[in-house]
PDB file of N, CA and C in Angstrom:
ATOM      1  N   MET A   1      -8.001   3.119 -13.654  1.00  0.00           N
ATOM      2  CA  MET A   1      -7.164   2.562 -12.620  1.00  0.00           C
ATOM      3  C   MET A   1      -6.133   1.625 -13.265  1.00  0.00           C
ATOM      4  N   LEU A   2      -4.911   1.692 -12.771  1.00  0.00           N
ATOM      5  CA  LEU A   2      -3.832   0.876 -13.318  1.00  0.00           C
ATOM      6  C   LEU A   2      -3.991  -0.598 -12.938  1.00  0.00           C
ATOM      7  N   THR A   3      -3.406  -1.449 -13.747  1.00  0.00           N
ATOM      8  CA  THR A   3      -3.322  -2.875 -13.445  1.00  0.00           C
ATOM      9  C   THR A   3      -1.903  -3.187 -12.978  1.00  0.00           C
ATOM     10  N   LEU A   4      -1.703  -4.399 -12.493  1.00  0.00           N
ATOM     11  CA  LEU A   4      -0.359  -4.834 -12.103  1.00  0.00           C
ATOM     12  C   LEU A   4       0.584  -4.785 -13.298  1.00  0.00           C
ATOM     13  N   GLU A   5       0.110  -5.194 -14.451  1.00  0.00           N
ATOM     14  CA  GLU A   5       0.939  -5.167 -15.664  1.00  0.00           C
ATOM     15  C   GLU A   5       1.369  -3.745 -16.019  1.00  0.00           C
ATOM     16  N   GLU A   6       0.470  -2.799 -15.854  1.00  0.00           N
ATOM     17  CA  GLU A   6       0.813  -1.404 -16.168  1.00  0.00           C
ATOM     18  C   GLU A   6       1.818  -0.835 -15.171  1.00  0.00           C
ATOM     19  N   ILE A   7       1.705  -1.216 -13.917  1.00  0.00           N
ATOM     20  CA  ILE A   7       2.699  -0.776 -12.927  1.00  0.00           C
ATOM     21  C   ILE A   7       4.069  -1.329 -13.291  1.00  0.00           C
ATOM     22  N   LYS A   8       4.115  -2.602 -13.687  1.00  0.00           N
ATOM     23  CA  LYS A   8       5.385  -3.241 -14.085  1.00  0.00           C
ATOM     24  C   LYS A   8       6.096  -2.454 -15.179  1.00  0.00           C
ATOM     25  N   LYS A   9       5.324  -1.859 -16.071  1.00  0.00           N
ATOM     26  CA  LYS A   9       5.888  -1.136 -17.218  1.00  0.00           C
ATOM     27  C   LYS A   9       6.308   0.286 -16.877  1.00  0.00           C
ATOM     28  N   ASP A  10       6.172   0.670 -15.609  1.00  0.00           N
ATOM     29  CA  ASP A  10       6.501   2.037 -15.198  1.00  0.00           C
ATOM     30  C   ASP A  10       7.560   2.008 -14.093  1.00  0.00           C
ATOM     31  N   PRO A  11       8.842   1.846 -14.464  1.00  0.00           N
ATOM     32  CA  PRO A  11       9.896   1.736 -13.455  1.00  0.00           C
ATOM     33  C   PRO A  11      10.017   2.973 -12.569  1.00  0.00           C
ATOM     34  N   GLU A  12       9.654   4.120 -13.095  1.00  0.00           N
ATOM     35  CA  GLU A  12       9.699   5.335 -12.276  1.00  0.00           C
ATOM     36  C   GLU A  12       8.686   5.238 -11.126  1.00  0.00           C
ATOM     37  N   LEU A  13       7.503   4.747 -11.410  1.00  0.00           N
ATOM     38  CA  LEU A  13       6.491   4.559 -10.376  1.00  0.00           C
ATOM     39  C   LEU A  13       6.939   3.488  -9.380  1.00  0.00           C
ATOM     40  N   VAL A  14       7.437   2.383  -9.872  1.00  0.00           N
ATOM     41  CA  VAL A  14       7.896   1.308  -8.985  1.00  0.00           C
ATOM     42  C   VAL A  14       8.986   1.820  -8.055  1.00  0.00           C
ATOM     43  N   SER A  15       9.840   2.688  -8.547  1.00  0.00           N
ATOM     44  CA  SER A  15      10.971   3.169  -7.744  1.00  0.00           C
ATOM     45  C   SER A  15      10.554   4.053  -6.572  1.00  0.00           C
ATOM     46  N   VAL A  16       9.346   4.630  -6.609  1.00  0.00           N
ATOM     47  CA  VAL A  16       8.921   5.515  -5.518  1.00  0.00           C
ATOM     48  C   VAL A  16       7.978   4.831  -4.522  1.00  0.00           C
ATOM     49  N   ILE A  17       7.709   3.553  -4.719  1.00  0.00           N
ATOM     50  CA  ILE A  17       6.833   2.833  -3.788  1.00  0.00           C
ATOM     51  C   ILE A  17       7.532   2.692  -2.445  1.00  0.00           C
ATOM     52  N   ASP A  18       6.827   3.052  -1.392  1.00  0.00           N
ATOM     53  CA  ASP A  18       7.333   2.895  -0.027  1.00  0.00           C
ATOM     54  C   ASP A  18       6.833   1.548   0.493  1.00  0.00           C
ATOM     55  N   TRP A  19       7.711   0.567   0.503  1.00  0.00           N
ATOM     56  CA  TRP A  19       7.345  -0.796   0.877  1.00  0.00           C
ATOM     57  C   TRP A  19       7.104  -0.948   2.378  1.00  0.00           C
ATOM     58  N   ASN A  20       7.485   0.041   3.151  1.00  0.00           N
ATOM     59  CA  ASN A  20       7.297  -0.036   4.604  1.00  0.00           C
ATOM     60  C   ASN A  20       6.093   0.758   5.099  1.00  0.00           C
ATOM     61  N   MET A  21       5.473   1.531   4.223  1.00  0.00           N
ATOM     62  CA  MET A  21       4.318   2.328   4.624  1.00  0.00           C
ATOM     63  C   MET A  21       3.119   1.412   4.867  1.00  0.00           C
ATOM     64  N   THR A  22       2.404   1.703   5.938  1.00  0.00           N
ATOM     65  CA  THR A  22       1.181   0.981   6.263  1.00  0.00           C
ATOM     66  C   THR A  22       0.017   1.968   6.232  1.00  0.00           C
ATOM     67  N   PRO A  23      -1.205   1.482   6.154  1.00  0.00           N
ATOM     68  CA  PRO A  23      -2.339   2.409   6.189  1.00  0.00           C
ATOM     69  C   PRO A  23      -2.354   3.246   7.470  1.00  0.00           C
ATOM     70  N   GLU A  24      -2.015   2.630   8.579  1.00  0.00           N
ATOM     71  CA  GLU A  24      -2.010   3.348   9.860  1.00  0.00           C
ATOM     72  C   GLU A  24      -0.935   4.432   9.883  1.00  0.00           C
ATOM     73  N   GLU A  25       0.233   4.107   9.385  1.00  0.00           N
ATOM     74  CA  GLU A  25       1.325   5.086   9.348  1.00  0.00           C
ATOM     75  C   GLU A  25       0.987   6.240   8.412  1.00  0.00           C
ATOM     76  N   ALA A  26       0.345   5.946   7.293  1.00  0.00           N
ATOM     77  CA  ALA A  26      -0.032   7.003   6.352  1.00  0.00           C
ATOM     78  C   ALA A  26      -1.023   7.969   6.995  1.00  0.00           C
ATOM     79  N   VAL A  27      -1.989   7.448   7.723  1.00  0.00           N
ATOM     80  CA  VAL A  27      -2.948   8.326   8.409  1.00  0.00           C
ATOM     81  C   VAL A  27      -2.220   9.172   9.437  1.00  0.00           C
ATOM     82  N   ARG A  28      -1.356   8.552  10.211  1.00  0.00           N
ATOM     83  CA  ARG A  28      -0.624   9.293  11.241  1.00  0.00           C
ATOM     84  C   ARG A  28       0.229  10.393  10.624  1.00  0.00           C
ATOM     85  N   LEU A  29       0.930  10.074   9.555  1.00  0.00           N
ATOM     86  CA  LEU A  29       1.821  11.049   8.930  1.00  0.00           C
ATOM     87  C   LEU A  29       1.079  12.178   8.237  1.00  0.00           C
ATOM     88  N   TYR A  30       0.057  11.833   7.486  1.00  0.00           N
ATOM     89  CA  TYR A  30      -0.574  12.822   6.624  1.00  0.00           C
ATOM     90  C   TYR A  30      -1.805  13.488   7.225  1.00  0.00           C
ATOM     91  N   LEU A  31      -2.409  12.873   8.216  1.00  0.00           N
ATOM     92  CA  LEU A  31      -3.624  13.445   8.786  1.00  0.00           C
ATOM     93  C   LEU A  31      -3.484  13.850  10.245  1.00  0.00           C
ATOM     94  N   GLU A  32      -2.455  13.381  10.913  1.00  0.00           N
ATOM     95  CA  GLU A  32      -2.234  13.708  12.323  1.00  0.00           C
ATOM     96  C   GLU A  32      -0.863  14.353  12.481  1.00  0.00           C
ATOM     97  N   TRP A  33      -0.693  15.478  11.876  1.00  0.00           N
ATOM     98  CA  TRP A  33       0.623  16.120  11.795  1.00  0.00           C
ATOM     99  C   TRP A  33       1.236  16.417  13.154  1.00  0.00           C
ATOM    100  N   GLY A  34       0.455  16.598  14.170  1.00  0.00           N
ATOM    101  CA  GLY A  34       0.969  17.057  15.456  1.00  0.00           C
ATOM    102  C   GLY A  34       1.964  16.149  16.136  1.00  0.00           C
ATOM    103  N   ASN A  35       1.886  14.845  15.913  1.00  0.00           N
ATOM    104  CA  ASN A  35       2.789  13.941  16.631  1.00  0.00           C
ATOM    105  C   ASN A  35       3.816  13.277  15.722  1.00  0.00           C
ATOM    106  N   ASN A  36       3.982  13.742  14.514  1.00  0.00           N
ATOM    107  CA  ASN A  36       4.897  13.088  13.585  1.00  0.00           C
ATOM    108  C   ASN A  36       6.358  13.194  13.991  1.00  0.00           C
ATOM    109  N   TRP A  37       6.751  14.299  14.527  1.00  0.00           N
ATOM    110  CA  TRP A  37       8.167  14.514  14.824  1.00  0.00           C
ATOM    111  C   TRP A  37       8.709  13.511  15.824  1.00  0.00           C
ATOM    112  N   ALA A  38       7.878  12.994  16.690  1.00  0.00           N
ATOM    113  CA  ALA A  38       8.354  12.146  17.779  1.00  0.00           C
ATOM    114  C   ALA A  38       8.447  10.680  17.418  1.00  0.00           C
ATOM    115  N   ARG A  39       7.812  10.248  16.327  1.00  0.00           N
ATOM    116  CA  ARG A  39       7.691   8.816  16.104  1.00  0.00           C
ATOM    117  C   ARG A  39       8.172   8.331  14.751  1.00  0.00           C
ATOM    118  N   SER A  40       8.793   9.162  13.964  1.00  0.00           N
ATOM    119  CA  SER A  40       9.088   8.734  12.610  1.00  0.00           C
ATOM    120  C   SER A  40      10.291   9.474  12.038  1.00  0.00           C
ATOM    121  N   ASN A  41      10.881   8.860  11.027  1.00  0.00           N
ATOM    122  CA  ASN A  41      11.925   9.532  10.263  1.00  0.00           C
ATOM    123  C   ASN A  41      11.316  10.425   9.190  1.00  0.00           C
ATOM    124  N   TYR A  42      10.046  10.199   8.880  1.00  0.00           N
ATOM    125  CA  TYR A  42       9.342  11.011   7.902  1.00  0.00           C
ATOM    126  C   TYR A  42       8.861  12.296   8.561  1.00  0.00           C
ATOM    127  N   VAL A  43       8.935  13.386   7.819  1.00  0.00           N
ATOM    128  CA  VAL A  43       8.343  14.641   8.260  1.00  0.00           C
ATOM    129  C   VAL A  43       7.548  15.182   7.075  1.00  0.00           C
ATOM    130  N   ILE A  44       6.271  15.408   7.289  1.00  0.00           N
ATOM    131  CA  ILE A  44       5.399  15.924   6.247  1.00  0.00           C
ATOM    132  C   ILE A  44       5.283  17.428   6.462  1.00  0.00           C
ATOM    133  N   ARG A  45       5.680  18.185   5.459  1.00  0.00           N
ATOM    134  CA  ARG A  45       5.698  19.641   5.587  1.00  0.00           C
ATOM    135  C   ARG A  45       4.599  20.329   4.780  1.00  0.00           C
ATOM    136  N   SER A  46       4.136  19.668   3.705  1.00  0.00           N
ATOM    137  CA  SER A  46       3.152  20.322   2.845  1.00  0.00           C
ATOM    138  C   SER A  46       2.421  19.270   2.021  1.00  0.00           C
ATOM    139  N   LYS A  47       1.439  19.736   1.248  1.00  0.00           N
ATOM    140  CA  LYS A  47       0.705  18.825   0.375  1.00  0.00           C
ATOM    141  C   LYS A  47       1.566  18.300  -0.764  1.00  0.00           C
ATOM    142  N   ASP A  48       2.759  18.871  -0.942  1.00  0.00           N
ATOM    143  CA  ASP A  48       3.677  18.382  -1.968  1.00  0.00           C
ATOM    144  C   ASP A  48       4.396  17.109  -1.535  1.00  0.00           C
ATOM    145  N   ASP A  49       4.403  16.817  -0.235  1.00  0.00           N
ATOM    146  CA  ASP A  49       4.975  15.570   0.256  1.00  0.00           C
ATOM    147  C   ASP A  49       3.983  14.451  -0.043  1.00  0.00           C
ATOM    148  N   VAL A  50       4.467  13.372  -0.622  1.00  0.00           N
ATOM    149  CA  VAL A  50       3.576  12.317  -1.090  1.00  0.00           C
ATOM    150  C   VAL A  50       4.204  10.949  -0.844  1.00  0.00           C
ATOM    151  N   SER A  51       3.362   9.960  -0.631  1.00  0.00           N
ATOM    152  CA  SER A  51       3.807   8.568  -0.501  1.00  0.00           C
ATOM    153  C   SER A  51       2.991   7.693  -1.438  1.00  0.00           C
ATOM    154  N   TYR A  52       3.647   6.679  -1.968  1.00  0.00           N
ATOM    155  CA  TYR A  52       3.010   5.646  -2.777  1.00  0.00           C
ATOM    156  C   TYR A  52       3.191   4.338  -2.030  1.00  0.00           C
ATOM    157  N   TYR A  53       2.108   3.626  -1.783  1.00  0.00           N
ATOM    158  CA  TYR A  53       2.198   2.388  -1.021  1.00  0.00           C
ATOM    159  C   TYR A  53       1.016   1.488  -1.357  1.00  0.00           C
ATOM    160  N   PHE A  54       1.164   0.213  -1.030  1.00  0.00           N
ATOM    161  CA  PHE A  54       0.119  -0.769  -1.282  1.00  0.00           C
ATOM    162  C   PHE A  54      -0.655  -1.070  -0.004  1.00  0.00           C
ATOM    163  N   VAL A  55      -1.938  -1.368  -0.179  1.00  0.00           N
ATOM    164  CA  VAL A  55      -2.780  -1.874   0.905  1.00  0.00           C
ATOM    165  C   VAL A  55      -3.587  -3.049   0.357  1.00  0.00           C
ATOM    166  N   ILE A  56      -4.100  -3.853   1.276  1.00  0.00           N
ATOM    167  CA  ILE A  56      -5.029  -4.923   0.916  1.00  0.00           C
ATOM    168  C   ILE A  56      -6.389  -4.534   1.466  1.00  0.00           C
ATOM    169  N   ASN A  57      -7.360  -4.459   0.579  1.00  0.00           N
ATOM    170  CA  ASN A  57      -8.712  -4.072   0.956  1.00  0.00           C
ATOM    171  C   ASN A  57      -9.596  -5.313   0.909  1.00  0.00           C
ATOM    172  N   THR A  58     -10.198  -5.652   2.054  1.00  0.00           N
ATOM    173  CA  THR A  58     -11.035  -6.848   2.134  1.00  0.00           C
ATOM    174  C   THR A  58     -12.512  -6.514   2.279  1.00  0.00           C
ATOM    175  N   TRP A  59     -12.909  -5.294   1.988  1.00  0.00           N
ATOM    176  CA  TRP A  59     -14.307  -4.908   2.121  1.00  0.00           C
ATOM    177  C   TRP A  59     -15.190  -5.521   1.042  1.00  0.00           C
ATOM    178  N   GLU A  60     -14.638  -5.753  -0.130  1.00  0.00           N
ATOM    179  CA  GLU A  60     -15.410  -6.360  -1.208  1.00  0.00           C
ATOM    180  C   GLU A  60     -15.326  -7.880  -1.103  1.00  0.00           C
ATOM    181  N   LYS A  61     -16.137  -8.564  -1.895  1.00  0.00           N
ATOM    182  CA  LYS A  61     -16.168 -10.028  -1.848  1.00  0.00           C
ATOM    183  C   LYS A  61     -14.785 -10.630  -2.123  1.00  0.00           C
ATOM    184  N   ALA A  62     -14.109 -10.101  -3.137  1.00  0.00           N
ATOM    185  CA  ALA A  62     -12.751 -10.568  -3.448  1.00  0.00           C
ATOM    186  C   ALA A  62     -11.754  -9.526  -2.948  1.00  0.00           C
ATOM    187  N   PRO A  63     -10.881  -9.906  -2.011  1.00  0.00           N
ATOM    188  CA  PRO A  63      -9.873  -8.954  -1.530  1.00  0.00           C
ATOM    189  C   PRO A  63      -8.997  -8.489  -2.690  1.00  0.00           C
ATOM    190  N   ALA A  64      -8.594  -7.228  -2.626  1.00  0.00           N
ATOM    191  CA  ALA A  64      -7.785  -6.660  -3.706  1.00  0.00           C
ATOM    192  C   ALA A  64      -6.637  -5.859  -3.129  1.00  0.00           C
ATOM    193  N   ILE A  65      -5.574  -5.784  -3.909  1.00  0.00           N
ATOM    194  CA  ILE A  65      -4.440  -4.927  -3.579  1.00  0.00           C
ATOM    195  C   ILE A  65      -4.659  -3.608  -4.303  1.00  0.00           C
ATOM    196  N   TYR A  66      -4.471  -2.526  -3.571  1.00  0.00           N
ATOM    197  CA  TYR A  66      -4.564  -1.181  -4.147  1.00  0.00           C
ATOM    198  C   TYR A  66      -3.216  -0.490  -4.013  1.00  0.00           C
ATOM    199  N   LEU A  67      -2.835   0.249  -5.035  1.00  0.00           N
ATOM    200  CA  LEU A  67      -1.703   1.164  -4.947  1.00  0.00           C
ATOM    201  C   LEU A  67      -2.293   2.534  -4.633  1.00  0.00           C
ATOM    202  N   ILE A  68      -1.847   3.112  -3.526  1.00  0.00           N
ATOM    203  CA  ILE A  68      -2.366   4.380  -3.042  1.00  0.00           C
ATOM    204  C   ILE A  68      -1.313   5.471  -3.221  1.00  0.00           C
ATOM    205  N   ARG A  69      -1.761   6.624  -3.661  1.00  0.00           N
ATOM    206  CA  ARG A  69      -0.941   7.840  -3.652  1.00  0.00           C
ATOM    207  C   ARG A  69      -1.562   8.754  -2.615  1.00  0.00           C
ATOM    208  N   ARG A  70      -0.811   9.078  -1.562  1.00  0.00           N
ATOM    209  CA  ARG A  70      -1.366   9.877  -0.465  1.00  0.00           C
ATOM    210  C   ARG A  70      -0.527  11.117  -0.246  1.00  0.00           C
ATOM    211  N   ASN A  71      -1.224  12.247  -0.094  1.00  0.00           N
ATOM    212  CA  ASN A  71      -0.620  13.452   0.459  1.00  0.00           C
ATOM    213  C   ASN A  71      -1.549  13.930   1.570  1.00  0.00           C
ATOM    214  N   SER A  72      -1.338  15.116   2.071  1.00  0.00           N
ATOM    215  CA  SER A  72      -2.129  15.587   3.204  1.00  0.00           C
ATOM    216  C   SER A  72      -3.563  15.956   2.817  1.00  0.00           C
ATOM    217  N   GLU A  73      -3.850  16.013   1.534  1.00  0.00           N
ATOM    218  CA  GLU A  73      -5.200  16.373   1.096  1.00  0.00           C
ATOM    219  C   GLU A  73      -6.002  15.211   0.521  1.00  0.00           C
ATOM    220  N   HIS A  74      -5.318  14.241  -0.078  1.00  0.00           N
ATOM    221  CA  HIS A  74      -6.017  13.167  -0.789  1.00  0.00           C
ATOM    222  C   HIS A  74      -5.323  11.825  -0.601  1.00  0.00           C
ATOM    223  N   ALA A  75      -6.125  10.768  -0.693  1.00  0.00           N
ATOM    224  CA  ALA A  75      -5.615   9.417  -0.864  1.00  0.00           C
ATOM    225  C   ALA A  75      -6.251   8.895  -2.140  1.00  0.00           C
ATOM    226  N   ASP A  76      -5.453   8.779  -3.192  1.00  0.00           N
ATOM    227  CA  ASP A  76      -5.961   8.367  -4.497  1.00  0.00           C
ATOM    228  C   ASP A  76      -5.596   6.913  -4.764  1.00  0.00           C
ATOM    229  N   GLU A  77      -6.580   6.145  -5.201  1.00  0.00           N
ATOM    230  CA  GLU A  77      -6.347   4.757  -5.589  1.00  0.00           C
ATOM    231  C   GLU A  77      -5.876   4.752  -7.034  1.00  0.00           C
ATOM    232  N   LEU A  78      -4.608   4.401  -7.239  1.00  0.00           N
ATOM    233  CA  LEU A  78      -4.029   4.427  -8.585  1.00  0.00           C
ATOM    234  C   LEU A  78      -4.170   3.101  -9.313  1.00  0.00           C
ATOM    235  N   ALA A  79      -4.176   2.007  -8.544  1.00  0.00           N
ATOM    236  CA  ALA A  79      -4.217   0.673  -9.151  1.00  0.00           C
ATOM    237  C   ALA A  79      -5.026  -0.256  -8.267  1.00  0.00           C
ATOM    238  N   LYS A  80      -5.574  -1.283  -8.915  1.00  0.00           N
ATOM    239  CA  LYS A  80      -6.312  -2.316  -8.190  1.00  0.00           C
ATOM    240  C   LYS A  80      -6.133  -3.630  -8.924  1.00  0.00           C
ATOM    241  N   PHE A  81      -5.803  -4.679  -8.167  1.00  0.00           N
ATOM    242  CA  PHE A  81      -5.709  -6.007  -8.760  1.00  0.00           C
ATOM    243  C   PHE A  81      -5.908  -7.048  -7.671  1.00  0.00           C
ATOM    244  N   ASN A  82      -6.273  -8.253  -8.091  1.00  0.00           N
ATOM    245  CA  ASN A  82      -6.577  -9.329  -7.155  1.00  0.00           C
ATOM    246  C   ASN A  82      -5.323 -10.070  -6.721  1.00  0.00           C
ATOM    247  N   LEU A  83      -5.438 -10.656  -5.550  1.00  0.00           N
ATOM    248  CA  LEU A  83      -4.382 -11.526  -5.038  1.00  0.00           C
ATOM    249  C   LEU A  83      -4.490 -12.896  -5.694  1.00  0.00           C
ATOM    250  N   PRO A  84      -3.367 -13.581  -5.910  1.00  0.00           N
ATOM    251  CA  PRO A  84      -3.460 -14.980  -6.337  1.00  0.00           C
ATOM    252  C   PRO A  84      -4.201 -15.784  -5.264  1.00  0.00           C
ATOM    253  N   ALA A  85      -4.933 -16.799  -5.681  1.00  0.00           N
ATOM    254  CA  ALA A  85      -5.813 -17.558  -4.786  1.00  0.00           C
ATOM    255  C   ALA A  85      -5.105 -18.078  -3.540  1.00  0.00           C
ATOM    256  N   GLU A  86      -3.910 -18.652  -3.716  1.00  0.00           N
ATOM    257  CA  GLU A  86      -3.228 -19.241  -2.552  1.00  0.00           C
ATOM    258  C   GLU A  86      -2.826 -18.167  -1.539  1.00  0.00           C
ATOM    259  N   LEU A  87      -2.409 -16.998  -2.019  1.00  0.00           N
ATOM    260  CA  LEU A  87      -2.067 -15.897  -1.112  1.00  0.00           C
ATOM    261  C   LEU A  87      -3.326 -15.325  -0.470  1.00  0.00           C
ATOM    262  N   LYS A  88      -4.370 -15.198  -1.250  1.00  0.00           N
ATOM    263  CA  LYS A  88      -5.638 -14.657  -0.752  1.00  0.00           C
ATOM    264  C   LYS A  88      -6.148 -15.491   0.416  1.00  0.00           C
ATOM    265  N   ASN A  89      -6.178 -16.800   0.243  1.00  0.00           N
ATOM    266  CA  ASN A  89      -6.716 -17.677   1.292  1.00  0.00           C
ATOM    267  C   ASN A  89      -5.890 -17.609   2.570  1.00  0.00           C
ATOM    268  N   ARG A  90      -4.573 -17.635   2.436  1.00  0.00           N
ATOM    269  CA  ARG A  90      -3.720 -17.550   3.636  1.00  0.00           C
ATOM    270  C   ARG A  90      -3.873 -16.193   4.320  1.00  0.00           C
ATOM    271  N   PHE A  91      -3.942 -15.125   3.523  1.00  0.00           N
ATOM    272  CA  PHE A  91      -4.098 -13.803   4.116  1.00  0.00           C
ATOM    273  C   PHE A  91      -5.426 -13.691   4.855  1.00  0.00           C
ATOM    274  N   LEU A  92      -6.516 -14.102   4.217  1.00  0.00           N
ATOM    275  CA  LEU A  92      -7.824 -14.031   4.867  1.00  0.00           C
ATOM    276  C   LEU A  92      -7.847 -14.850   6.160  1.00  0.00           C
ATOM    277  N   ASP A  93      -7.223 -16.027   6.132  1.00  0.00           N
ATOM    278  CA  ASP A  93      -7.136 -16.832   7.357  1.00  0.00           C
ATOM    279  C   ASP A  93      -6.367 -16.080   8.440  1.00  0.00           C
ATOM    280  N   SER A  94      -5.303 -15.384   8.040  1.00  0.00           N
ATOM    281  CA  SER A  94      -4.447 -14.698   9.028  1.00  0.00           C
ATOM    282  C   SER A  94      -5.156 -13.520   9.698  1.00  0.00           C
ATOM    283  N   ILE A  95      -6.167 -12.959   9.032  1.00  0.00           N
ATOM    284  CA  ILE A  95      -6.897 -11.824   9.613  1.00  0.00           C
ATOM    285  C   ILE A  95      -8.286 -12.224  10.100  1.00  0.00           C
ATOM    286  N   GLY A  96      -8.530 -13.529  10.148  1.00  0.00           N
ATOM    287  CA  GLY A  96      -9.816 -14.011  10.627  1.00  0.00           C
ATOM    288  C   GLY A  96     -10.975 -13.664   9.714  1.00  0.00           C
ATOM    289  N   HIS A  97     -10.679 -13.465   8.436  1.00  0.00           N
ATOM    290  CA  HIS A  97     -11.688 -13.124   7.425  1.00  0.00           C
ATOM    291  C   HIS A  97     -12.445 -11.840   7.765  1.00  0.00           C
ATOM    292  N   ASN A  98     -11.801 -10.942   8.498  1.00  0.00           N
ATOM    293  CA  ASN A  98     -12.413  -9.663   8.854  1.00  0.00           C
ATOM    294  C   ASN A  98     -12.346  -8.690   7.685  1.00  0.00           C
ATOM    295  N   LYS A  99     -13.254  -7.754   7.673  1.00  0.00           N
ATOM    296  CA  LYS A  99     -13.279  -6.700   6.652  1.00  0.00           C
ATOM    297  C   LYS A  99     -12.396  -5.549   7.121  1.00  0.00           C
ATOM    298  N   GLY A 100     -11.692  -4.935   6.177  1.00  0.00           N
ATOM    299  CA  GLY A 100     -10.858  -3.800   6.527  1.00  0.00           C
ATOM    300  C   GLY A 100      -9.844  -3.486   5.452  1.00  0.00           C
ATOM    301  N   VAL A 101      -8.932  -2.586   5.798  1.00  0.00           N
ATOM    302  CA  VAL A 101      -7.821  -2.201   4.932  1.00  0.00           C
ATOM    303  C   VAL A 101      -6.551  -2.508   5.706  1.00  0.00           C
ATOM    304  N   TYR A 102      -5.687  -3.320   5.112  1.00  0.00           N
ATOM    305  CA  TYR A 102      -4.531  -3.868   5.809  1.00  0.00           C
ATOM    306  C   TYR A 102      -3.229  -3.566   5.070  1.00  0.00           C
ATOM    307  N   ALA A 103      -2.149  -3.567   5.833  1.00  0.00           N
ATOM    308  CA  ALA A 103      -0.813  -3.502   5.248  1.00  0.00           C
ATOM    309  C   ALA A 103      -0.491  -4.843   4.598  1.00  0.00           C
ATOM    310  N   LEU A 104       0.448  -4.819   3.680  1.00  0.00           N
ATOM    311  CA  LEU A 104       0.928  -6.064   3.087  1.00  0.00           C
ATOM    312  C   LEU A 104       1.621  -6.891   4.148  1.00  0.00           C
ATOM    313  N   ASP A 105       1.343  -8.193   4.181  1.00  0.00           N
ATOM    314  CA  ASP A 105       2.138  -9.054   5.056  1.00  0.00           C
ATOM    315  C   ASP A 105       3.424  -9.419   4.308  1.00  0.00           C
ATOM    316  N   ASN A 106       4.343 -10.076   4.987  1.00  0.00           N
ATOM    317  CA  ASN A 106       5.647 -10.361   4.375  1.00  0.00           C
ATOM    318  C   ASN A 106       5.530 -11.239   3.136  1.00  0.00           C
ATOM    319  N   GLU A 107       4.645 -12.229   3.177  1.00  0.00           N
ATOM    320  CA  GLU A 107       4.496 -13.136   2.032  1.00  0.00           C
ATOM    321  C   GLU A 107       3.981 -12.387   0.802  1.00  0.00           C
ATOM    322  N   ILE A 108       2.988 -11.543   0.983  1.00  0.00           N
ATOM    323  CA  ILE A 108       2.426 -10.800  -0.146  1.00  0.00           C
ATOM    324  C   ILE A 108       3.407  -9.739  -0.627  1.00  0.00           C
ATOM    325  N   LYS A 109       4.119  -9.110   0.308  1.00  0.00           N
ATOM    326  CA  LYS A 109       5.125  -8.120  -0.088  1.00  0.00           C
ATOM    327  C   LYS A 109       6.214  -8.771  -0.938  1.00  0.00           C
ATOM    328  N   THR A 110       6.677  -9.948  -0.530  1.00  0.00           N
ATOM    329  CA  THR A 110       7.702 -10.673  -1.292  1.00  0.00           C
ATOM    330  C   THR A 110       7.190 -11.023  -2.685  1.00  0.00           C
ATOM    331  N   TRP A 111       5.966 -11.529  -2.763  1.00  0.00           N
ATOM    332  CA  TRP A 111       5.370 -11.877  -4.054  1.00  0.00           C
ATOM    333  C   TRP A 111       5.265 -10.641  -4.944  1.00  0.00           C
ATOM    334  N   LEU A 112       4.769  -9.552  -4.386  1.00  0.00           N
ATOM    335  CA  LEU A 112       4.556  -8.339  -5.174  1.00  0.00           C
ATOM    336  C   LEU A 112       5.889  -7.757  -5.655  1.00  0.00           C
ATOM    337  N   LYS A 113       6.887  -7.754  -4.797  1.00  0.00           N
ATOM    338  CA  LYS A 113       8.202  -7.264  -5.216  1.00  0.00           C
ATOM    339  C   LYS A 113       8.748  -8.109  -6.364  1.00  0.00           C
ATOM    340  N   SER A 114       8.558  -9.423  -6.297  1.00  0.00           N
ATOM    341  CA  SER A 114       9.056 -10.283  -7.381  1.00  0.00           C
ATOM    342  C   SER A 114       8.277 -10.022  -8.671  1.00  0.00           C
ATOM    343  N   GLU A 115       6.966  -9.763  -8.553  1.00  0.00           N
ATOM    344  CA  GLU A 115       6.163  -9.424  -9.730  1.00  0.00           C
ATOM    345  C   GLU A 115       6.635  -8.131 -10.384  1.00  0.00           C
ATOM    346  N   LEU A 116       7.091  -7.194  -9.556  1.00  0.00           N
ATOM    347  CA  LEU A 116       7.525  -5.882 -10.067  1.00  0.00           C
ATOM    348  C   LEU A 116       9.028  -5.814 -10.282  1.00  0.00           C
ATOM    349  N   ASP A 117       9.706  -6.947 -10.132  1.00  0.00           N
ATOM    350  CA  ASP A 117      11.168  -6.986 -10.265  1.00  0.00           C
ATOM    351  C   ASP A 117      11.840  -5.962  -9.378  1.00  0.00           C
ATOM    352  N   GLU A 118      11.316  -5.809  -8.162  1.00  0.00           N
ATOM    353  CA  GLU A 118      11.826  -4.840  -7.195  1.00  0.00           C
ATOM    354  C   GLU A 118      12.531  -5.611  -6.082  1.00  0.00           C
ATOM    355  N   THR A 119      13.806  -5.318  -5.874  1.00  0.00           N
ATOM    356  CA  THR A 119      14.553  -6.027  -4.845  1.00  0.00           C
ATOM    357  C   THR A 119      14.764  -5.202  -3.594  1.00  0.00           C
ATOM    358  N   GLY A 120      14.484  -3.900  -3.661  1.00  0.00           N
ATOM    359  CA  GLY A 120      14.734  -3.019  -2.534  1.00  0.00           C
ATOM    360  C   GLY A 120      13.754  -3.108  -1.417  1.00  0.00           C
TER     361      GLY A 120
END
């Protein structure tokens, strides 16, 4: 599994990250094909269509950010790394310390983009 440092060294990978993709949207697009045309600019036509996006997983003791590669057949975890303590605490407070898989909030997205030197 990749680290944050390894992602930083791969500008091609950074360039294909969909910063607006959420776990819910990925499921809708890739697993619920029937209603995609009505609610999105994305259209998934085959298993060759793929998205790269980040999620925050709070199921383990320490919440972690995962980079996911998803197509209609698989969701592969490409990278995993921990949140900085101050971001972790604020995020956990914002979700009531519940377990789950979440989209990046604006603060974490901003931090992650700055870590990856991504302005888009």
